[in-house]
Amino acid sequence: MSFDTIAQLSFKLAGEQALPLEMSWAWLGRVFGQPWIYGAFIGYLGAFFAWMLLLRHAPIGPAFAASYLEIVAVMLASAYLFGDTIGWAQVVGTVFILGGIGCLALSESSSSAASAAK
């Protein structure tokens, strides 16, 4: 989750530095000449390797559901770092994400307990 969050925030910062958008060599130089774009690449590489390790040790359902915590983390970090506003739609979405992860965790623990009882 942290690698994905770093990647998304780095892309946002890189995008702000790349304005105005134009298809030219000067624009490409601006994009690749500042460090945030490399933070995004490193974040995605780190997320990939962390995901591969996680899949080796955790059930796919809860692991995939927990990956959606990145959306909540990016929203909160963007509000803190960039002053983005959090409206009711974002709050409701966050509640649904957390509720879904909680439901999957409960169902995994129930199925694990049922398997252990057999």
PDB file of N, CA and C in Angstrom:
ATOM      1  N   MET A   1       0.824  -1.181   0.000  1.00  0.00           N
ATOM      2  CA  MET A   1       0.000   0.000   0.000  1.00  0.00           C
ATOM      3  C   MET A   1       0.875   1.254   0.000  1.00  0.00           C
ATOM      4  N   SER A   2       1.949   1.231   0.773  1.00  0.00           N
ATOM      5  CA  SER A   2       2.787   2.430   0.854  1.00  0.00           C
ATOM      6  C   SER A   2       3.493   2.708  -0.473  1.00  0.00           C
ATOM      7  N   PHE A   3       3.950   1.656  -1.172  1.00  0.00           N
ATOM      8  CA  PHE A   3       4.598   1.878  -2.465  1.00  0.00           C
ATOM      9  C   PHE A   3       3.622   2.469  -3.477  1.00  0.00           C
ATOM     10  N   ASP A   4       2.400   1.944  -3.521  1.00  0.00           N
ATOM     11  CA  ASP A   4       1.385   2.491  -4.437  1.00  0.00           C
ATOM     12  C   ASP A   4       1.059   3.935  -4.094  1.00  0.00           C
ATOM     13  N   THR A   5       0.948   4.232  -2.810  1.00  0.00           N
ATOM     14  CA  THR A   5       0.649   5.602  -2.386  1.00  0.00           C
ATOM     15  C   THR A   5       1.765   6.541  -2.801  1.00  0.00           C
ATOM     16  N   ILE A   6       3.005   6.129  -2.602  1.00  0.00           N
ATOM     17  CA  ILE A   6       4.153   6.952  -3.020  1.00  0.00           C
ATOM     18  C   ILE A   6       4.123   7.173  -4.530  1.00  0.00           C
ATOM     19  N   ALA A   7       3.809   6.124  -5.285  1.00  0.00           N
ATOM     20  CA  ALA A   7       3.762   6.250  -6.741  1.00  0.00           C
ATOM     21  C   ALA A   7       2.695   7.248  -7.169  1.00  0.00           C
ATOM     22  N   GLN A   8       1.501   7.146  -6.594  1.00  0.00           N
ATOM     23  CA  GLN A   8       0.415   8.046  -6.988  1.00  0.00           C
ATOM     24  C   GLN A   8       0.713   9.499  -6.622  1.00  0.00           C
ATOM     25  N   LEU A   9       1.239   9.709  -5.423  1.00  0.00           N
ATOM     26  CA  LEU A   9       1.572  11.080  -5.015  1.00  0.00           C
ATOM     27  C   LEU A   9       2.714  11.635  -5.861  1.00  0.00           C
ATOM     28  N   SER A  10       3.678  10.791  -6.198  1.00  0.00           N
ATOM     29  CA  SER A  10       4.786  11.236  -7.054  1.00  0.00           C
ATOM     30  C   SER A  10       4.285  11.603  -8.446  1.00  0.00           C
ATOM     31  N   PHE A  11       3.350  10.811  -8.983  1.00  0.00           N
ATOM     32  CA  PHE A  11       2.777  11.155 -10.295  1.00  0.00           C
ATOM     33  C   PHE A  11       2.041  12.482 -10.235  1.00  0.00           C
ATOM     34  N   LYS A  12       1.334  12.738  -9.147  1.00  0.00           N
ATOM     35  CA  LYS A  12       0.632  14.010  -9.019  1.00  0.00           C
ATOM     36  C   LYS A  12       1.622  15.174  -8.998  1.00  0.00           C
ATOM     37  N   LEU A  13       2.687  15.031  -8.219  1.00  0.00           N
ATOM     38  CA  LEU A  13       3.700  16.081  -8.167  1.00  0.00           C
ATOM     39  C   LEU A  13       4.417  16.237  -9.507  1.00  0.00           C
ATOM     40  N   ALA A  14       4.715  15.131 -10.162  1.00  0.00           N
ATOM     41  CA  ALA A  14       5.363  15.195 -11.476  1.00  0.00           C
ATOM     42  C   ALA A  14       4.451  15.861 -12.494  1.00  0.00           C
ATOM     43  N   GLY A  15       3.167  15.546 -12.425  1.00  0.00           N
ATOM     44  CA  GLY A  15       2.213  16.154 -13.353  1.00  0.00           C
ATOM     45  C   GLY A  15       2.099  17.655 -13.165  1.00  0.00           C
ATOM     46  N   GLU A  16       2.131  18.099 -11.924  1.00  0.00           N
ATOM     47  CA  GLU A  16       2.073  19.539 -11.662  1.00  0.00           C
ATOM     48  C   GLU A  16       3.309  20.245 -12.204  1.00  0.00           C
ATOM     49  N   GLN A  17       4.464  19.588 -12.116  1.00  0.00           N
ATOM     50  CA  GLN A  17       5.707  20.184 -12.607  1.00  0.00           C
ATOM     51  C   GLN A  17       5.803  20.155 -14.132  1.00  0.00           C
ATOM     52  N   ALA A  18       5.024  19.277 -14.774  1.00  0.00           N
ATOM     53  CA  ALA A  18       5.109  19.108 -16.223  1.00  0.00           C
ATOM     54  C   ALA A  18       4.210  20.077 -16.989  1.00  0.00           C
ATOM     55  N   LEU A  19       3.414  20.842 -16.289  1.00  0.00           N
ATOM     56  CA  LEU A  19       2.515  21.774 -16.977  1.00  0.00           C
ATOM     57  C   LEU A  19       3.301  22.930 -17.561  1.00  0.00           C
ATOM     58  N   PRO A  20       2.879  23.474 -18.671  1.00  0.00           N
ATOM     59  CA  PRO A  20       1.733  23.125 -19.509  1.00  0.00           C
ATOM     60  C   PRO A  20       2.045  21.891 -20.373  1.00  0.00           C
ATOM     61  N   LEU A  21       1.012  21.113 -20.599  1.00  0.00           N
ATOM     62  CA  LEU A  21       1.135  19.897 -21.386  1.00  0.00           C
ATOM     63  C   LEU A  21       1.351  20.254 -22.851  1.00  0.00           C
ATOM     64  N   GLU A  22       2.402  19.712 -23.416  1.00  0.00           N
ATOM     65  CA  GLU A  22       2.702  19.923 -24.835  1.00  0.00           C
ATOM     66  C   GLU A  22       3.551  18.756 -25.321  1.00  0.00           C
ATOM     67  N   MET A  23       3.429  18.439 -26.555  1.00  0.00           N
ATOM     68  CA  MET A  23       4.222  17.351 -27.124  1.00  0.00           C
ATOM     69  C   MET A  23       5.477  17.948 -27.760  1.00  0.00           C
ATOM     70  N   SER A  24       6.516  18.022 -26.966  1.00  0.00           N
ATOM     71  CA  SER A  24       7.779  18.571 -27.461  1.00  0.00           C
ATOM     72  C   SER A  24       8.917  17.957 -26.657  1.00  0.00           C
ATOM     73  N   TRP A  25      10.128  18.100 -27.172  1.00  0.00           N
ATOM     74  CA  TRP A  25      11.303  17.611 -26.462  1.00  0.00           C
ATOM     75  C   TRP A  25      11.530  18.401 -25.175  1.00  0.00           C
ATOM     76  N   ALA A  26      11.180  19.673 -25.188  1.00  0.00           N
ATOM     77  CA  ALA A  26      11.339  20.490 -23.984  1.00  0.00           C
ATOM     78  C   ALA A  26      10.432  19.982 -22.870  1.00  0.00           C
ATOM     79  N   TRP A  27       9.211  19.583 -23.229  1.00  0.00           N
ATOM     80  CA  TRP A  27       8.280  19.045 -22.231  1.00  0.00           C
ATOM     81  C   TRP A  27       8.802  17.724 -21.663  1.00  0.00           C
ATOM     82  N   LEU A  28       9.290  16.833 -22.539  1.00  0.00           N
ATOM     83  CA  LEU A  28       9.865  15.575 -22.065  1.00  0.00           C
ATOM     84  C   LEU A  28      11.058  15.824 -21.148  1.00  0.00           C
ATOM     85  N   GLY A  29      11.839  16.827 -21.478  1.00  0.00           N
ATOM     86  CA  GLY A  29      12.966  17.193 -20.624  1.00  0.00           C
ATOM     87  C   GLY A  29      12.497  17.670 -19.260  1.00  0.00           C
ATOM     88  N   ARG A  30      11.388  18.447 -19.235  1.00  0.00           N
ATOM     89  CA  ARG A  30      10.833  18.894 -17.953  1.00  0.00           C
ATOM     90  C   ARG A  30      10.328  17.711 -17.137  1.00  0.00           C
ATOM     91  N   VAL A  31       9.664  16.773 -17.795  1.00  0.00           N
ATOM     92  CA  VAL A  31       9.105  15.616 -17.087  1.00  0.00           C
ATOM     93  C   VAL A  31      10.212  14.766 -16.484  1.00  0.00           C
ATOM     94  N   PHE A  32      11.189  14.394 -17.307  1.00  0.00           N
ATOM     95  CA  PHE A  32      12.232  13.488 -16.835  1.00  0.00           C
ATOM     96  C   PHE A  32      13.385  14.208 -16.151  1.00  0.00           C
ATOM     97  N   GLY A  33      13.324  15.516 -16.074  1.00  0.00           N
ATOM     98  CA  GLY A  33      14.368  16.287 -15.422  1.00  0.00           C
ATOM     99  C   GLY A  33      14.088  16.582 -13.965  1.00  0.00           C
ATOM    100  N   GLN A  34      12.960  16.139 -13.455  1.00  0.00           N
ATOM    101  CA  GLN A  34      12.666  16.375 -12.044  1.00  0.00           C
ATOM    102  C   GLN A  34      12.446  15.046 -11.329  1.00  0.00           C
ATOM    103  N   PRO A  35      12.734  14.994 -10.040  1.00  0.00           N
ATOM    104  CA  PRO A  35      12.822  13.704  -9.336  1.00  0.00           C
ATOM    105  C   PRO A  35      11.502  12.987  -9.105  1.00  0.00           C
ATOM    106  N   TRP A  36      10.376  13.669  -9.162  1.00  0.00           N
ATOM    107  CA  TRP A  36       9.112  13.017  -8.805  1.00  0.00           C
ATOM    108  C   TRP A  36       8.735  11.893  -9.751  1.00  0.00           C
ATOM    109  N   ILE A  37       9.101  12.019 -11.006  1.00  0.00           N
ATOM    110  CA  ILE A  37       8.761  10.956 -11.955  1.00  0.00           C
ATOM    111  C   ILE A  37       9.501   9.668 -11.591  1.00  0.00           C
ATOM    112  N   TYR A  38      10.707   9.787 -11.082  1.00  0.00           N
ATOM    113  CA  TYR A  38      11.473   8.611 -10.685  1.00  0.00           C
ATOM    114  C   TYR A  38      10.923   8.005  -9.388  1.00  0.00           C
ATOM    115  N   GLY A  39      10.385   8.864  -8.521  1.00  0.00           N
ATOM    116  CA  GLY A  39       9.694   8.356  -7.336  1.00  0.00           C
ATOM    117  C   GLY A  39       8.495   7.520  -7.714  1.00  0.00           C
ATOM    118  N   ALA A  40       7.805   7.930  -8.778  1.00  0.00           N
ATOM    119  CA  ALA A  40       6.656   7.156  -9.256  1.00  0.00           C
ATOM    120  C   ALA A  40       7.095   5.802  -9.798  1.00  0.00           C
ATOM    121  N   PHE A  41       8.162   5.790 -10.581  1.00  0.00           N
ATOM    122  CA  PHE A  41       8.670   4.519 -11.117  1.00  0.00           C
ATOM    123  C   PHE A  41       9.119   3.584  -9.992  1.00  0.00           C
ATOM    124  N   ILE A  42       9.845   4.129  -9.031  1.00  0.00           N
ATOM    125  CA  ILE A  42      10.307   3.320  -7.902  1.00  0.00           C
ATOM    126  C   ILE A  42       9.120   2.808  -7.091  1.00  0.00           C
ATOM    127  N   GLY A  43       8.110   3.662  -6.910  1.00  0.00           N
ATOM    128  CA  GLY A  43       6.913   3.233  -6.189  1.00  0.00           C
ATOM    129  C   GLY A  43       6.216   2.072  -6.866  1.00  0.00           C
ATOM    130  N   TYR A  44       6.095   2.127  -8.192  1.00  0.00           N
ATOM    131  CA  TYR A  44       5.444   1.027  -8.907  1.00  0.00           C
ATOM    132  C   TYR A  44       6.280  -0.248  -8.885  1.00  0.00           C
ATOM    133  N   LEU A  45       7.580  -0.121  -8.998  1.00  0.00           N
ATOM    134  CA  LEU A  45       8.436  -1.305  -8.895  1.00  0.00           C
ATOM    135  C   LEU A  45       8.344  -1.929  -7.497  1.00  0.00           C
ATOM    136  N   GLY A  46       8.384  -1.087  -6.493  1.00  0.00           N
ATOM    137  CA  GLY A  46       8.256  -1.586  -5.128  1.00  0.00           C
ATOM    138  C   GLY A  46       6.910  -2.241  -4.888  1.00  0.00           C
ATOM    139  N   ALA A  47       5.847  -1.642  -5.433  1.00  0.00           N
ATOM    140  CA  ALA A  47       4.511  -2.223  -5.278  1.00  0.00           C
ATOM    141  C   ALA A  47       4.423  -3.580  -5.956  1.00  0.00           C
ATOM    142  N   PHE A  48       5.037  -3.709  -7.123  1.00  0.00           N
ATOM    143  CA  PHE A  48       5.011  -4.989  -7.835  1.00  0.00           C
ATOM    144  C   PHE A  48       5.679  -6.086  -7.006  1.00  0.00           C
ATOM    145  N   PHE A  49       6.887  -5.811  -6.507  1.00  0.00           N
ATOM    146  CA  PHE A  49       7.604  -6.827  -5.748  1.00  0.00           C
ATOM    147  C   PHE A  49       6.928  -7.113  -4.408  1.00  0.00           C
ATOM    148  N   ALA A  50       6.371  -6.092  -3.773  1.00  0.00           N
ATOM    149  CA  ALA A  50       5.640  -6.321  -2.524  1.00  0.00           C
ATOM    150  C   ALA A  50       4.402  -7.181  -2.774  1.00  0.00           C
ATOM    151  N   TRP A  51       3.714  -6.941  -3.890  1.00  0.00           N
ATOM    152  CA  TRP A  51       2.527  -7.722  -4.248  1.00  0.00           C
ATOM    153  C   TRP A  51       2.904  -9.178  -4.497  1.00  0.00           C
ATOM    154  N   MET A  52       4.001  -9.411  -5.190  1.00  0.00           N
ATOM    155  CA  MET A  52       4.432 -10.786  -5.447  1.00  0.00           C
ATOM    156  C   MET A  52       4.759 -11.515  -4.141  1.00  0.00           C
ATOM    157  N   LEU A  53       5.410 -10.838  -3.214  1.00  0.00           N
ATOM    158  CA  LEU A  53       5.706 -11.437  -1.911  1.00  0.00           C
ATOM    159  C   LEU A  53       4.435 -11.695  -1.111  1.00  0.00           C
ATOM    160  N   LEU A  54       3.516 -10.756  -1.168  1.00  0.00           N
ATOM    161  CA  LEU A  54       2.260 -10.904  -0.439  1.00  0.00           C
ATOM    162  C   LEU A  54       1.464 -12.094  -0.957  1.00  0.00           C
ATOM    163  N   LEU A  55       1.425 -12.257  -2.263  1.00  0.00           N
ATOM    164  CA  LEU A  55       0.666 -13.366  -2.844  1.00  0.00           C
ATOM    165  C   LEU A  55       1.266 -14.722  -2.464  1.00  0.00           C
ATOM    166  N   ARG A  56       2.531 -14.741  -2.173  1.00  0.00           N
ATOM    167  CA  ARG A  56       3.185 -15.983  -1.773  1.00  0.00           C
ATOM    168  C   ARG A  56       2.738 -16.410  -0.364  1.00  0.00           C
ATOM    169  N   HIS A  57       2.353 -15.445   0.479  1.00  0.00           N
ATOM    170  CA  HIS A  57       2.087 -15.739   1.885  1.00  0.00           C
ATOM    171  C   HIS A  57       0.649 -15.498   2.337  1.00  0.00           C
ATOM    172  N   ALA A  58      -0.189 -14.893   1.523  1.00  0.00           N
ATOM    173  CA  ALA A  58      -1.540 -14.532   1.973  1.00  0.00           C
ATOM    174  C   ALA A  58      -2.581 -15.042   0.985  1.00  0.00           C
ATOM    175  N   PRO A  59      -3.799 -15.277   1.458  1.00  0.00           N
ATOM    176  CA  PRO A  59      -4.878 -15.647   0.542  1.00  0.00           C
ATOM    177  C   PRO A  59      -5.188 -14.482  -0.415  1.00  0.00           C
ATOM    178  N   ILE A  60      -5.534 -14.806  -1.633  1.00  0.00           N
ATOM    179  CA  ILE A  60      -5.712 -13.784  -2.670  1.00  0.00           C
ATOM    180  C   ILE A  60      -6.869 -12.835  -2.369  1.00  0.00           C
ATOM    181  N   GLY A  61      -7.981 -13.349  -1.846  1.00  0.00           N
ATOM    182  CA  GLY A  61      -9.154 -12.499  -1.602  1.00  0.00           C
ATOM    183  C   GLY A  61      -8.878 -11.339  -0.670  1.00  0.00           C
ATOM    184  N   PRO A  62      -8.455 -11.615   0.551  1.00  0.00           N
ATOM    185  CA  PRO A  62      -8.163 -10.509   1.469  1.00  0.00           C
ATOM    186  C   PRO A  62      -6.992  -9.633   1.004  1.00  0.00           C
ATOM    187  N   ALA A  63      -5.996 -10.243   0.370  1.00  0.00           N
ATOM    188  CA  ALA A  63      -4.858  -9.445  -0.111  1.00  0.00           C
ATOM    189  C   ALA A  63      -5.311  -8.456  -1.172  1.00  0.00           C
ATOM    190  N   PHE A  64      -6.166  -8.919  -2.097  1.00  0.00           N
ATOM    191  CA  PHE A  64      -6.650  -8.027  -3.145  1.00  0.00           C
ATOM    192  C   PHE A  64      -7.537  -6.944  -2.559  1.00  0.00           C
ATOM    193  N   ALA A  65      -8.388  -7.309  -1.620  1.00  0.00           N
ATOM    194  CA  ALA A  65      -9.255  -6.315  -0.988  1.00  0.00           C
ATOM    195  C   ALA A  65      -8.434  -5.279  -0.227  1.00  0.00           C
ATOM    196  N   ALA A  66      -7.403  -5.734   0.478  1.00  0.00           N
ATOM    197  CA  ALA A  66      -6.574  -4.806   1.240  1.00  0.00           C
ATOM    198  C   ALA A  66      -5.817  -3.845   0.332  1.00  0.00           C
ATOM    199  N   SER A  67      -5.588  -4.240  -0.915  1.00  0.00           N
ATOM    200  CA  SER A  67      -4.889  -3.341  -1.837  1.00  0.00           C
ATOM    201  C   SER A  67      -5.708  -2.075  -2.107  1.00  0.00           C
ATOM    202  N   TYR A  68      -7.014  -2.131  -1.873  1.00  0.00           N
ATOM    203  CA  TYR A  68      -7.840  -0.938  -2.066  1.00  0.00           C
ATOM    204  C   TYR A  68      -7.647   0.088  -0.959  1.00  0.00           C
ATOM    205  N   LEU A  69      -6.948  -0.263   0.095  1.00  0.00           N
ATOM    206  CA  LEU A  69      -6.605   0.734   1.105  1.00  0.00           C
ATOM    207  C   LEU A  69      -5.730   1.828   0.520  1.00  0.00           C
ATOM    208  N   GLU A  70      -5.056   1.522  -0.582  1.00  0.00           N
ATOM    209  CA  GLU A  70      -4.231   2.531  -1.265  1.00  0.00           C
ATOM    210  C   GLU A  70      -5.081   3.719  -1.695  1.00  0.00           C
ATOM    211  N   ILE A  71      -6.309   3.479  -2.123  1.00  0.00           N
ATOM    212  CA  ILE A  71      -7.194   4.570  -2.536  1.00  0.00           C
ATOM    213  C   ILE A  71      -7.456   5.493  -1.354  1.00  0.00           C
ATOM    214  N   VAL A  72      -7.719   4.923  -0.212  1.00  0.00           N
ATOM    215  CA  VAL A  72      -7.978   5.715   0.987  1.00  0.00           C
ATOM    216  C   VAL A  72      -6.713   6.470   1.398  1.00  0.00           C
ATOM    217  N   ALA A  73      -5.564   5.806   1.341  1.00  0.00           N
ATOM    218  CA  ALA A  73      -4.303   6.443   1.728  1.00  0.00           C
ATOM    219  C   ALA A  73      -3.969   7.616   0.810  1.00  0.00           C
ATOM    220  N   VAL A  74      -4.166   7.441  -0.498  1.00  0.00           N
ATOM    221  CA  VAL A  74      -3.887   8.530  -1.442  1.00  0.00           C
ATOM    222  C   VAL A  74      -4.843   9.696  -1.199  1.00  0.00           C
ATOM    223  N   MET A  75      -6.110   9.388  -0.941  1.00  0.00           N
ATOM    224  CA  MET A  75      -7.083  10.451  -0.671  1.00  0.00           C
ATOM    225  C   MET A  75      -6.683  11.256   0.562  1.00  0.00           C
ATOM    226  N   LEU A  76      -6.329  10.565   1.641  1.00  0.00           N
ATOM    227  CA  LEU A  76      -5.952  11.260   2.874  1.00  0.00           C
ATOM    228  C   LEU A  76      -4.647  12.034   2.709  1.00  0.00           C
ATOM    229  N   ALA A  77      -3.671  11.434   2.048  1.00  0.00           N
ATOM    230  CA  ALA A  77      -2.390  12.121   1.832  1.00  0.00           C
ATOM    231  C   ALA A  77      -2.562  13.327   0.915  1.00  0.00           C
ATOM    232  N   SER A  78      -3.413  13.209  -0.095  1.00  0.00           N
ATOM    233  CA  SER A  78      -3.657  14.345  -0.994  1.00  0.00           C
ATOM    234  C   SER A  78      -4.361  15.480  -0.270  1.00  0.00           C
ATOM    235  N   ALA A  79      -5.257  15.137   0.633  1.00  0.00           N
ATOM    236  CA  ALA A  79      -5.920  16.183   1.414  1.00  0.00           C
ATOM    237  C   ALA A  79      -4.916  16.899   2.306  1.00  0.00           C
ATOM    238  N   TYR A  80      -4.014  16.142   2.893  1.00  0.00           N
ATOM    239  CA  TYR A  80      -3.011  16.725   3.789  1.00  0.00           C
ATOM    240  C   TYR A  80      -1.942  17.509   3.023  1.00  0.00           C
ATOM    241  N   LEU A  81      -1.391  16.909   1.963  1.00  0.00           N
ATOM    242  CA  LEU A  81      -0.261  17.527   1.264  1.00  0.00           C
ATOM    243  C   LEU A  81      -0.671  18.598   0.259  1.00  0.00           C
ATOM    244  N   PHE A  82      -1.795  18.381  -0.427  1.00  0.00           N
ATOM    245  CA  PHE A  82      -2.164  19.272  -1.522  1.00  0.00           C
ATOM    246  C   PHE A  82      -3.407  20.108  -1.242  1.00  0.00           C
ATOM    247  N   GLY A  83      -4.031  19.876  -0.099  1.00  0.00           N
ATOM    248  CA  GLY A  83      -5.237  20.626   0.225  1.00  0.00           C
ATOM    249  C   GLY A  83      -6.463  20.171  -0.543  1.00  0.00           C
ATOM    250  N   ASP A  84      -6.436  18.953  -1.098  1.00  0.00           N
ATOM    251  CA  ASP A  84      -7.615  18.429  -1.789  1.00  0.00           C
ATOM    252  C   ASP A  84      -8.757  18.288  -0.788  1.00  0.00           C
ATOM    253  N   THR A  85      -9.968  18.530  -1.262  1.00  0.00           N
ATOM    254  CA  THR A  85     -11.122  18.429  -0.376  1.00  0.00           C
ATOM    255  C   THR A  85     -11.667  17.004  -0.381  1.00  0.00           C
ATOM    256  N   ILE A  86     -12.181  16.610   0.759  1.00  0.00           N
ATOM    257  CA  ILE A  86     -12.817  15.304   0.904  1.00  0.00           C
ATOM    258  C   ILE A  86     -14.302  15.560   1.112  1.00  0.00           C
ATOM    259  N   GLY A  87     -15.098  15.126   0.147  1.00  0.00           N
ATOM    260  CA  GLY A  87     -16.545  15.330   0.218  1.00  0.00           C
ATOM    261  C   GLY A  87     -17.251  14.087   0.724  1.00  0.00           C
ATOM    262  N   TRP A  88     -18.571  14.175   0.748  1.00  0.00           N
ATOM    263  CA  TRP A  88     -19.374  13.050   1.221  1.00  0.00           C
ATOM    264  C   TRP A  88     -19.196  11.810   0.370  1.00  0.00           C
ATOM    265  N   ALA A  89     -19.035  11.986  -0.927  1.00  0.00           N
ATOM    266  CA  ALA A  89     -18.850  10.825  -1.813  1.00  0.00           C
ATOM    267  C   ALA A  89     -17.573  10.064  -1.444  1.00  0.00           C
ATOM    268  N   GLN A  90     -16.523  10.794  -1.132  1.00  0.00           N
ATOM    269  CA  GLN A  90     -15.270  10.145  -0.744  1.00  0.00           C
ATOM    270  C   GLN A  90     -15.402   9.446   0.608  1.00  0.00           C
ATOM    271  N   VAL A  91     -16.132  10.067   1.526  1.00  0.00           N
ATOM    272  CA  VAL A  91     -16.343   9.458   2.843  1.00  0.00           C
ATOM    273  C   VAL A  91     -17.154   8.171   2.699  1.00  0.00           C
ATOM    274  N   VAL A  92     -18.218   8.219   1.905  1.00  0.00           N
ATOM    275  CA  VAL A  92     -19.043   7.026   1.690  1.00  0.00           C
ATOM    276  C   VAL A  92     -18.221   5.937   1.000  1.00  0.00           C
ATOM    277  N   GLY A  93     -17.433   6.299   0.006  1.00  0.00           N
ATOM    278  CA  GLY A  93     -16.573   5.329  -0.666  1.00  0.00           C
ATOM    279  C   GLY A  93     -15.582   4.683   0.288  1.00  0.00           C
ATOM    280  N   THR A  94     -15.007   5.498   1.174  1.00  0.00           N
ATOM    281  CA  THR A  94     -14.070   4.978   2.163  1.00  0.00           C
ATOM    282  C   THR A  94     -14.758   3.992   3.101  1.00  0.00           C
ATOM    283  N   VAL A  95     -15.968   4.315   3.520  1.00  0.00           N
ATOM    284  CA  VAL A  95     -16.718   3.407   4.399  1.00  0.00           C
ATOM    285  C   VAL A  95     -16.993   2.092   3.677  1.00  0.00           C
ATOM    286  N   PHE A  96     -17.358   2.164   2.393  1.00  0.00           N
ATOM    287  CA  PHE A  96     -17.598   0.935   1.625  1.00  0.00           C
ATOM    288  C   PHE A  96     -16.315   0.103   1.486  1.00  0.00           C
ATOM    289  N   ILE A  97     -15.201   0.751   1.208  1.00  0.00           N
ATOM    290  CA  ILE A  97     -13.934   0.033   1.075  1.00  0.00           C
ATOM    291  C   ILE A  97     -13.584  -0.661   2.391  1.00  0.00           C
ATOM    292  N   LEU A  98     -13.642   0.086   3.483  1.00  0.00           N
ATOM    293  CA  LEU A  98     -13.302  -0.494   4.782  1.00  0.00           C
ATOM    294  C   LEU A  98     -14.301  -1.585   5.176  1.00  0.00           C
ATOM    295  N   GLY A  99     -15.578  -1.371   4.873  1.00  0.00           N
ATOM    296  CA  GLY A  99     -16.585  -2.393   5.165  1.00  0.00           C
ATOM    297  C   GLY A  99     -16.359  -3.658   4.352  1.00  0.00           C
ATOM    298  N   GLY A 100     -16.013  -3.514   3.089  1.00  0.00           N
ATOM    299  CA  GLY A 100     -15.736  -4.671   2.243  1.00  0.00           C
ATOM    300  C   GLY A 100     -14.539  -5.460   2.721  1.00  0.00           C
ATOM    301  N   ILE A 101     -13.497  -4.750   3.120  1.00  0.00           N
ATOM    302  CA  ILE A 101     -12.309  -5.431   3.656  1.00  0.00           C
ATOM    303  C   ILE A 101     -12.658  -6.153   4.954  1.00  0.00           C
ATOM    304  N   GLY A 102     -13.453  -5.507   5.793  1.00  0.00           N
ATOM    305  CA  GLY A 102     -13.884  -6.139   7.039  1.00  0.00           C
ATOM    306  C   GLY A 102     -14.726  -7.386   6.788  1.00  0.00           C
ATOM    307  N   CYS A 103     -15.641  -7.321   5.825  1.00  0.00           N
ATOM    308  CA  CYS A 103     -16.473  -8.484   5.492  1.00  0.00           C
ATOM    309  C   CYS A 103     -15.623  -9.638   4.972  1.00  0.00           C
ATOM    310  N   LEU A 104     -14.665  -9.339   4.113  1.00  0.00           N
ATOM    311  CA  LEU A 104     -13.786 -10.396   3.623  1.00  0.00           C
ATOM    312  C   LEU A 104     -12.943 -10.995   4.745  1.00  0.00           C
ATOM    313  N   ALA A 105     -12.473 -10.161   5.656  1.00  0.00           N
ATOM    314  CA  ALA A 105     -11.679 -10.666   6.775  1.00  0.00           C
ATOM    315  C   ALA A 105     -12.520 -11.579   7.655  1.00  0.00           C
ATOM    316  N   LEU A 106     -13.766 -11.182   7.895  1.00  0.00           N
ATOM    317  CA  LEU A 106     -14.655 -12.037   8.701  1.00  0.00           C
ATOM    318  C   LEU A 106     -14.957 -13.351   8.007  1.00  0.00           C
ATOM    319  N   SER A 107     -15.200 -13.288   6.705  1.00  0.00           N
ATOM    320  CA  SER A 107     -15.506 -14.527   5.986  1.00  0.00           C
ATOM    321  C   SER A 107     -14.288 -15.439   5.928  1.00  0.00           C
ATOM    322  N   GLU A 108     -13.092 -14.880   5.804  1.00  0.00           N
ATOM    323  CA  GLU A 108     -11.871 -15.699   5.810  1.00  0.00           C
ATOM    324  C   GLU A 108     -11.664 -16.348   7.169  1.00  0.00           C
ATOM    325  N   SER A 109     -11.907 -15.573   8.235  1.00  0.00           N
ATOM    326  CA  SER A 109     -11.707 -16.155   9.567  1.00  0.00           C
ATOM    327  C   SER A 109     -12.776 -17.207   9.852  1.00  0.00           C
ATOM    328  N   SER A 110     -13.995 -17.015   9.360  1.00  0.00           N
ATOM    329  CA  SER A 110     -15.057 -18.015   9.538  1.00  0.00           C
ATOM    330  C   SER A 110     -14.743 -19.290   8.782  1.00  0.00           C
ATOM    331  N   SER A 111     -14.265 -19.137   7.540  1.00  0.00           N
ATOM    332  CA  SER A 111     -13.947 -20.331   6.757  1.00  0.00           C
ATOM    333  C   SER A 111     -12.717 -21.048   7.303  1.00  0.00           C
ATOM    334  N   SER A 112     -11.776 -20.318   7.857  1.00  0.00           N
ATOM    335  CA  SER A 112     -10.602 -20.925   8.480  1.00  0.00           C
ATOM    336  C   SER A 112     -10.988 -21.685   9.735  1.00  0.00           C
ATOM    337  N   ALA A 113     -11.906 -21.103  10.528  1.00  0.00           N
ATOM    338  CA  ALA A 113     -12.363 -21.763  11.745  1.00  0.00           C
ATOM    339  C   ALA A 113     -13.154 -23.027  11.399  1.00  0.00           C
ATOM    340  N   ALA A 114     -13.976 -22.948  10.333  1.00  0.00           N
ATOM    341  CA  ALA A 114     -14.743 -24.134   9.915  1.00  0.00           C
ATOM    342  C   ALA A 114     -13.824 -25.230   9.397  1.00  0.00           C
ATOM    343  N   SER A 115     -12.785 -24.858   8.688  1.00  0.00           N
ATOM    344  CA  SER A 115     -11.826 -25.857   8.169  1.00  0.00           C
ATOM    345  C   SER A 115     -11.049 -26.496   9.314  1.00  0.00           C
ATOM    346  N   ALA A 116     -10.712 -25.715  10.314  1.00  0.00           N
ATOM    347  CA  ALA A 116      -9.952 -26.234  11.460  1.00  0.00           C
ATOM    348  C   ALA A 116     -10.817 -27.179  12.308  1.00  0.00           C
ATOM    349  N   ALA A 117     -12.130 -26.933  12.352  1.00  0.00           N
ATOM    350  CA  ALA A 117     -13.035 -27.764  13.158  1.00  0.00           C
ATOM    351  C   ALA A 117     -13.254 -29.137  12.528  1.00  0.00           C
ATOM    352  N   LYS A 118     -13.031 -29.270  11.229  1.00  0.00           N
ATOM    353  CA  LYS A 118     -13.267 -30.552  10.548  1.00  0.00           C
ATOM    354  C   LYS A 118     -12.215 -31.528  10.822  1.00  0.00           C
TER     355      LYS A 118
END
